[in-house]
Amino acid sequence: MPPDLSSTAPGARDWAALPRDVLFDVFLKLGPREIMLGAELACTAWWRVALEEPALWRRIGYHNIREMTWRRPFGADAEMVRATDAEMAMARVALARAAGQCEAFRGDLDYDDLPYLVERAPSLKTLHIEDFSNYDDGNEKLIVALEKLPLLEDFQIHFTQTVERVDEMLQSVCQARSNLKKLVLRFAEAWDLGCNEDDFCREPMDREIPMMHKLRTLTLYDCDLTSKGLMGILDNCPLLESLHITGYFNKREMNEELRLKCGRVKKLTLPTTLNAKDQWYRELIGYSDSEEESEETPGLNRETNLTRKTDLSEAMFECFGTFP
């Protein structure tokens, strides 16, 4: 007859005596943030497991702290700054505990954080930078960091400052990491920079990119694209399966050759409308009011009609929702 455990007081159970392999499996399900803020504080035995098992820190992500600050009342900037500082402090501890085994990282980064990340996580395969403060020479430091991550396959980033030439940035990223399988670039919008929409404009993307033999997914948010730029992407990404672009593309530039190349992409989304206030772009690329009312471009049997403004929450979900 089995012993009657109903009379055993919960306080009498020795949780510190749980086998190490059991604790390891439990910690894996918790994740880095839950371990640091809860589990490892339970007792010395649990703390040792958290400290001595680098495999627990192969995937590091602290976006939840920043998401919590978004729900605070307007004006709580100081609390947001403290939360972001705590986020990065925990990320540094987690990277140190990973002992070089970290394969996936997600969170906010300043360009000064990049050298530490590269040093502590040289084997990164996935890097999602949700907010990148690219002040001064931050863009150059980003490219230097990417060149030191030879195993990187999935790179996603949201620039919070102006990128003067988005085509040069795309070229540089592709040149630094030509083995990428997934690339997502979200460029700063007017609201990111705190400026008026009427005063905000960017150079169109019209350059080729280096050959990307493994790239299957390319997403460019808030990018104004020319037919030459689109052709350069399609010509140099032979395995491309998904291409999603928001911003502006003049579908009147679409010729038969470009239509055929677009047809090879399984999932294709191109923007076809432009903010009416953006007069600078109207003059630069020959945009007219009647264009929005024209028929769908022949040869494209997929959705190609997106407005320039993209809902932030939806975009961030698409960009970062598949983190391992």
Protein backbone atom coordinates (compact mmCIF):
# COMPACT_ATOMS: atom_id res chain seq x y z
CA MET A 1 0.00 0.00 0.00
CA PRO A 2 1.57 3.40 -1.03
CA PRO A 3 2.38 5.85 1.74
CA ASP A 4 -0.16 8.54 2.55
CA LEU A 5 1.40 11.82 1.39
CA SER A 6 -1.60 13.99 2.20
CA SER A 7 -0.36 14.57 5.72
CA THR A 8 3.07 15.76 4.58
CA ALA A 9 3.43 19.47 5.16
CA PRO A 10 4.51 21.43 2.07
CA GLY A 11 7.24 23.08 4.09
CA ALA A 12 8.83 19.70 4.74
CA ARG A 13 9.64 19.10 1.09
CA ASP A 14 13.28 19.67 0.25
CA TRP A 15 13.08 21.49 -3.08
CA ALA A 16 16.84 22.07 -2.98
CA ALA A 17 17.35 18.30 -3.23
CA LEU A 18 15.72 18.01 -6.66
CA PRO A 19 18.01 16.26 -9.17
CA ARG A 20 20.09 18.67 -11.21
CA ASP A 21 18.80 17.32 -14.53
CA VAL A 22 15.20 17.94 -13.40
CA LEU A 23 16.03 21.50 -12.38
CA PHE A 24 17.79 22.04 -15.69
CA ASP A 25 14.70 20.98 -17.68
CA VAL A 26 12.47 23.23 -15.57
CA PHE A 27 14.78 26.21 -15.97
CA LEU A 28 14.87 25.72 -19.74
CA LYS A 29 11.11 26.17 -19.85
CA LEU A 30 11.25 29.31 -17.71
CA GLY A 31 13.59 31.44 -19.78
CA PRO A 32 16.37 33.89 -18.76
CA ARG A 33 14.20 36.63 -17.27
CA GLU A 34 12.16 34.27 -15.11
CA ILE A 35 15.31 32.54 -13.89
CA MET A 36 17.04 35.76 -12.88
CA LEU A 37 14.05 37.41 -11.26
CA GLY A 38 12.67 34.34 -9.55
CA ALA A 39 13.94 30.77 -9.72
CA GLU A 40 17.61 31.32 -8.96
CA LEU A 41 16.71 33.25 -5.80
CA ALA A 42 14.92 30.27 -4.24
CA CYS A 43 17.97 28.62 -2.71
CA THR A 44 21.72 28.09 -3.14
CA ALA A 45 21.29 24.84 -5.09
CA TRP A 46 19.03 26.49 -7.63
CA TRP A 47 21.35 29.48 -7.91
CA ARG A 48 24.27 27.16 -8.71
CA VAL A 49 22.32 25.52 -11.53
CA ALA A 50 21.54 28.93 -13.01
CA LEU A 51 25.16 30.00 -12.70
CA GLU A 52 26.90 26.81 -13.85
CA GLU A 53 24.82 25.68 -16.85
CA PRO A 54 25.76 27.73 -19.95
CA ALA A 55 23.17 25.87 -22.04
CA LEU A 56 20.43 27.70 -20.13
CA TRP A 57 21.54 30.94 -21.74
CA ARG A 58 21.70 29.95 -25.41
CA ARG A 59 18.61 32.07 -26.13
CA ILE A 60 18.50 35.48 -24.45
CA GLY A 61 15.69 37.99 -24.83
CA TYR A 62 14.45 40.81 -22.58
CA HIS A 63 11.77 42.51 -24.68
CA ASN A 64 9.11 41.90 -22.03
CA ILE A 65 10.55 44.59 -19.73
CA ARG A 66 10.33 47.21 -22.46
CA GLU A 67 6.80 46.11 -23.39
CA MET A 68 5.75 46.64 -19.78
CA THR A 69 6.98 50.25 -19.92
CA TRP A 70 4.80 50.94 -22.96
CA ARG A 71 1.74 50.29 -20.80
CA ARG A 72 2.69 52.97 -18.30
CA PRO A 73 0.97 56.37 -18.28
CA PHE A 74 2.26 59.05 -20.61
CA GLY A 75 5.19 60.93 -19.14
CA ALA A 76 6.74 57.99 -17.24
CA ASP A 77 10.04 58.45 -19.08
CA ALA A 78 12.24 58.00 -16.01
CA GLU A 79 10.66 54.62 -15.27
CA MET A 80 11.20 53.56 -18.87
CA VAL A 81 14.88 54.49 -18.70
CA ARG A 82 15.33 52.51 -15.48
CA ALA A 83 13.60 49.50 -17.03
CA THR A 84 15.84 49.68 -20.11
CA ASP A 85 18.96 49.92 -17.93
CA ALA A 86 17.82 46.87 -15.95
CA GLU A 87 17.14 45.02 -19.20
CA MET A 88 20.66 45.59 -20.51
CA ALA A 89 22.25 44.78 -17.14
CA MET A 90 20.50 41.41 -17.08
CA ALA A 91 21.44 40.81 -20.72
CA ARG A 92 25.11 41.33 -19.91
CA VAL A 93 24.93 38.89 -16.98
CA ALA A 94 23.15 36.33 -19.17
CA LEU A 95 25.75 36.69 -21.92
CA ALA A 96 28.54 36.14 -19.40
CA ARG A 97 26.83 33.01 -18.05
CA ALA A 98 26.40 31.63 -21.58
CA ALA A 99 30.19 31.28 -21.79
CA GLY A 100 30.21 31.79 -25.56
CA GLN A 101 27.32 29.39 -26.23
CA CYS A 102 24.60 32.00 -26.84
CA GLU A 103 22.99 31.37 -30.24
CA ALA A 104 20.05 33.81 -30.18
CA PHE A 105 19.71 37.30 -28.72
CA ARG A 106 16.80 39.72 -28.72
CA GLY A 107 16.53 43.14 -27.06
CA ASP A 108 17.33 46.84 -27.28
CA LEU A 109 20.95 47.74 -28.01
CA ASP A 110 23.01 50.88 -28.16
CA TYR A 111 25.98 50.88 -30.51
CA ASP A 112 28.28 50.85 -27.46
CA ASP A 113 26.79 47.48 -26.46
CA LEU A 114 27.82 45.79 -29.71
CA PRO A 115 31.48 45.00 -28.84
CA TYR A 116 30.41 43.25 -25.63
CA LEU A 117 27.76 41.25 -27.47
CA VAL A 118 30.18 40.12 -30.16
CA GLU A 119 32.85 39.21 -27.62
CA ARG A 120 30.48 37.17 -25.44
CA ALA A 121 28.38 35.61 -28.20
CA PRO A 122 30.59 34.89 -31.24
CA SER A 123 28.38 31.95 -32.25
CA LEU A 124 25.14 33.92 -32.66
CA LYS A 125 22.79 32.54 -35.29
CA THR A 126 19.84 34.86 -34.52
CA LEU A 127 20.06 38.55 -33.62
CA HIS A 128 16.94 40.70 -33.19
CA ILE A 129 17.66 44.30 -32.18
CA GLU A 130 14.27 45.77 -31.37
CA ASP A 131 15.51 49.34 -30.91
CA PHE A 132 18.97 50.31 -32.13
CA SER A 133 20.27 53.75 -31.15
CA ASN A 134 22.39 54.49 -34.21
CA TYR A 135 23.75 57.88 -33.15
CA ASP A 136 27.03 59.27 -34.54
CA ASP A 137 28.98 56.36 -36.06
CA GLY A 138 26.59 53.71 -34.78
CA ASN A 139 25.84 52.37 -38.26
CA GLU A 140 29.53 51.79 -38.96
CA LYS A 141 29.95 49.99 -35.64
CA LEU A 142 26.96 47.82 -36.47
CA ILE A 143 28.57 46.63 -39.70
CA VAL A 144 31.85 45.93 -37.89
CA ALA A 145 29.95 43.81 -35.36
CA LEU A 146 28.12 41.85 -38.08
CA GLU A 147 31.41 41.02 -39.75
CA LYS A 148 32.45 39.27 -36.52
CA LEU A 149 29.40 36.99 -36.41
CA PRO A 150 30.15 34.36 -39.09
CA LEU A 151 27.30 32.00 -38.11
CA LEU A 152 24.53 34.62 -38.19
CA GLU A 153 21.52 33.49 -40.25
CA ASP A 154 18.64 35.64 -38.97
CA PHE A 155 19.17 39.38 -38.49
CA GLN A 156 16.39 41.84 -37.63
CA ILE A 157 16.78 45.45 -36.53
CA HIS A 158 14.76 48.62 -35.91
CA PHE A 159 16.73 51.82 -36.42
CA THR A 160 15.55 54.62 -34.14
CA GLN A 161 17.58 57.34 -35.90
CA THR A 162 17.76 58.47 -39.50
CA VAL A 163 19.65 56.26 -41.95
CA GLU A 164 20.73 58.68 -44.66
CA ARG A 165 20.97 56.08 -47.44
CA VAL A 166 18.85 53.01 -46.85
CA ASP A 167 20.23 51.33 -49.97
CA GLU A 168 23.78 51.73 -48.67
CA MET A 169 22.73 50.24 -45.34
CA LEU A 170 21.15 47.25 -47.08
CA GLN A 171 24.26 46.81 -49.21
CA SER A 172 26.54 46.99 -46.19
CA VAL A 173 24.54 44.49 -44.16
CA CYS A 174 24.41 42.04 -47.06
CA GLN A 175 28.12 42.43 -47.73
CA ALA A 176 28.98 41.90 -44.06
CA ARG A 177 26.81 38.77 -43.78
CA SER A 178 26.15 37.24 -47.18
CA ASN A 179 25.10 33.92 -45.57
CA LEU A 180 21.91 35.34 -44.03
CA LYS A 181 18.70 33.36 -44.52
CA LYS A 182 16.38 36.02 -43.08
CA LEU A 183 16.85 39.79 -43.02
CA VAL A 184 14.44 42.39 -41.62
CA LEU A 185 15.30 46.11 -41.61
CA ARG A 186 12.89 48.64 -40.13
CA PHE A 187 13.93 52.22 -40.75
CA ALA A 188 12.96 55.16 -38.55
CA GLU A 189 9.70 56.94 -39.31
CA ALA A 190 8.79 60.55 -38.65
CA TRP A 191 7.30 59.71 -35.25
CA ASP A 192 10.52 57.90 -34.24
CA LEU A 193 12.43 61.12 -34.83
CA GLY A 194 9.83 63.42 -33.33
CA CYS A 195 9.48 65.42 -36.54
CA ASN A 196 6.55 66.48 -38.68
CA GLU A 197 5.49 64.13 -41.46
CA ASP A 198 5.66 67.04 -43.91
CA ASP A 199 9.35 67.53 -43.16
CA PHE A 200 10.29 63.86 -43.33
CA CYS A 201 11.71 62.30 -46.48
CA ARG A 202 14.27 59.68 -47.46
CA GLU A 203 16.31 58.78 -50.50
CA PRO A 204 14.78 56.04 -52.69
CA MET A 205 16.49 52.66 -52.85
CA ASP A 206 17.82 52.07 -56.35
CA ARG A 207 21.07 50.10 -55.99
CA GLU A 208 21.90 46.44 -56.36
CA ILE A 209 22.84 44.32 -53.37
CA PRO A 210 25.62 41.72 -53.11
CA MET A 211 24.75 38.16 -54.06
CA MET A 212 22.76 36.50 -51.24
CA HIS A 213 22.78 32.79 -52.09
CA LYS A 214 20.94 31.68 -48.93
CA LEU A 215 18.49 34.53 -48.33
CA ARG A 216 14.88 33.30 -48.28
CA THR A 217 13.10 36.12 -46.43
CA LEU A 218 13.64 39.86 -46.87
CA THR A 219 11.50 42.51 -45.16
CA LEU A 220 12.07 46.25 -45.48
CA TYR A 221 9.80 48.56 -43.46
CA ASP A 222 9.44 52.22 -44.47
CA CYS A 223 11.58 51.90 -47.57
CA ASP A 224 10.94 53.75 -50.84
CA LEU A 225 11.93 51.45 -53.67
CA THR A 226 12.53 51.98 -57.39
CA SER A 227 12.20 49.36 -60.10
CA LYS A 228 16.00 49.28 -60.38
CA GLY A 229 16.29 48.57 -56.66
CA LEU A 230 13.66 45.81 -56.86
CA MET A 231 15.41 44.27 -59.85
CA GLY A 232 18.70 44.30 -57.95
CA ILE A 233 17.11 42.41 -55.05
CA LEU A 234 15.46 39.80 -57.25
CA ASP A 235 18.58 39.22 -59.37
CA ASN A 236 20.86 38.65 -56.38
CA CYS A 237 18.59 36.55 -54.14
CA PRO A 238 18.01 33.35 -56.16
CA LEU A 239 16.33 31.48 -53.27
CA LEU A 240 14.08 34.35 -52.14
CA GLU A 241 10.66 33.05 -51.07
CA SER A 242 9.23 36.04 -49.17
CA LEU A 243 9.65 39.74 -49.97
CA HIS A 244 7.69 42.28 -47.92
CA ILE A 245 8.25 46.00 -48.43
CA THR A 246 6.38 49.00 -47.03
CA GLY A 247 6.96 52.60 -48.05
CA TYR A 248 6.55 53.40 -51.73
CA PHE A 249 6.96 51.66 -55.07
CA ASN A 250 5.78 53.16 -58.38
CA LYS A 251 4.02 50.24 -60.04
CA ARG A 252 4.06 52.11 -63.35
CA GLU A 253 7.77 51.25 -63.53
CA MET A 254 6.92 47.55 -63.63
CA ASN A 255 7.86 46.07 -67.02
CA GLU A 256 7.34 42.53 -68.28
CA GLU A 257 10.82 41.34 -67.23
CA LEU A 258 10.30 42.61 -63.69
CA ARG A 259 6.84 41.02 -63.51
CA LEU A 260 8.28 37.63 -64.45
CA LYS A 261 10.99 37.90 -61.81
CA CYS A 262 8.42 38.92 -59.19
CA GLY A 263 6.45 35.82 -60.15
CA ARG A 264 9.25 33.62 -58.79
CA VAL A 265 8.70 34.93 -55.26
CA LYS A 266 6.10 32.86 -53.41
CA LYS A 267 5.04 35.62 -51.01
CA LEU A 268 5.37 39.15 -52.35
CA THR A 269 4.05 42.40 -50.87
CA LEU A 270 4.85 45.75 -52.45
CA PRO A 271 3.47 49.18 -51.47
CA THR A 272 1.66 51.20 -54.12
CA THR A 273 0.43 54.31 -52.30
CA LEU A 274 2.21 57.35 -50.91
CA ASN A 275 1.31 59.87 -48.25
CA ALA A 276 -0.26 62.78 -50.10
CA LYS A 277 1.70 65.30 -48.01
CA ASP A 278 5.06 64.01 -49.19
CA GLN A 279 5.52 66.48 -52.05
CA TRP A 280 9.26 65.92 -52.27
CA TYR A 281 8.80 62.31 -53.25
CA ARG A 282 6.01 63.17 -55.67
CA GLU A 283 8.42 65.38 -57.62
CA LEU A 284 11.35 62.96 -57.37
CA ILE A 285 9.66 59.80 -58.63
CA GLY A 286 6.85 61.19 -60.75
CA TYR A 287 3.96 60.17 -58.53
CA SER A 288 0.45 61.31 -59.52
CA ASP A 289 -2.92 61.27 -57.74
CA SER A 290 -4.48 59.17 -60.47
CA GLU A 291 -2.02 56.36 -59.83
CA GLU A 292 -3.87 55.17 -56.74
CA GLU A 293 -7.01 54.71 -58.83
CA SER A 294 -5.35 52.74 -61.63
CA GLU A 295 -5.85 49.03 -62.19
CA GLU A 296 -3.78 46.36 -60.51
CA THR A 297 -0.45 45.69 -62.15
CA PRO A 298 -0.81 42.74 -64.56
CA GLY A 299 1.24 39.67 -63.69
CA LEU A 300 1.02 40.11 -59.93
CA ASN A 301 -1.64 37.84 -58.49
CA ARG A 302 -0.79 38.63 -54.89
CA GLU A 303 -1.52 41.52 -52.53
CA THR A 304 0.46 44.61 -53.55
CA ASN A 305 -1.59 47.47 -52.15
CA LEU A 306 -0.33 48.78 -48.81
CA THR A 307 -0.43 52.27 -47.37
CA ARG A 308 2.80 53.93 -46.37
CA LYS A 309 1.84 54.09 -42.71
CA THR A 310 2.15 50.69 -41.04
CA ASP A 311 0.66 49.92 -37.65
CA LEU A 312 3.59 49.68 -35.22
CA SER A 313 2.25 46.84 -33.09
CA GLU A 314 1.49 44.72 -36.15
CA ALA A 315 4.85 45.46 -37.70
CA MET A 316 6.76 44.59 -34.55
CA PHE A 317 4.79 41.35 -34.23
CA GLU A 318 5.68 40.37 -37.79
CA CYS A 319 9.28 41.41 -37.27
CA PHE A 320 9.98 39.79 -33.92
CA GLY A 321 7.15 37.37 -33.24
CA THR A 322 9.01 34.28 -34.43
CA PHE A 323 11.96 34.53 -32.09
CA PRO A 324 13.06 31.01 -31.04
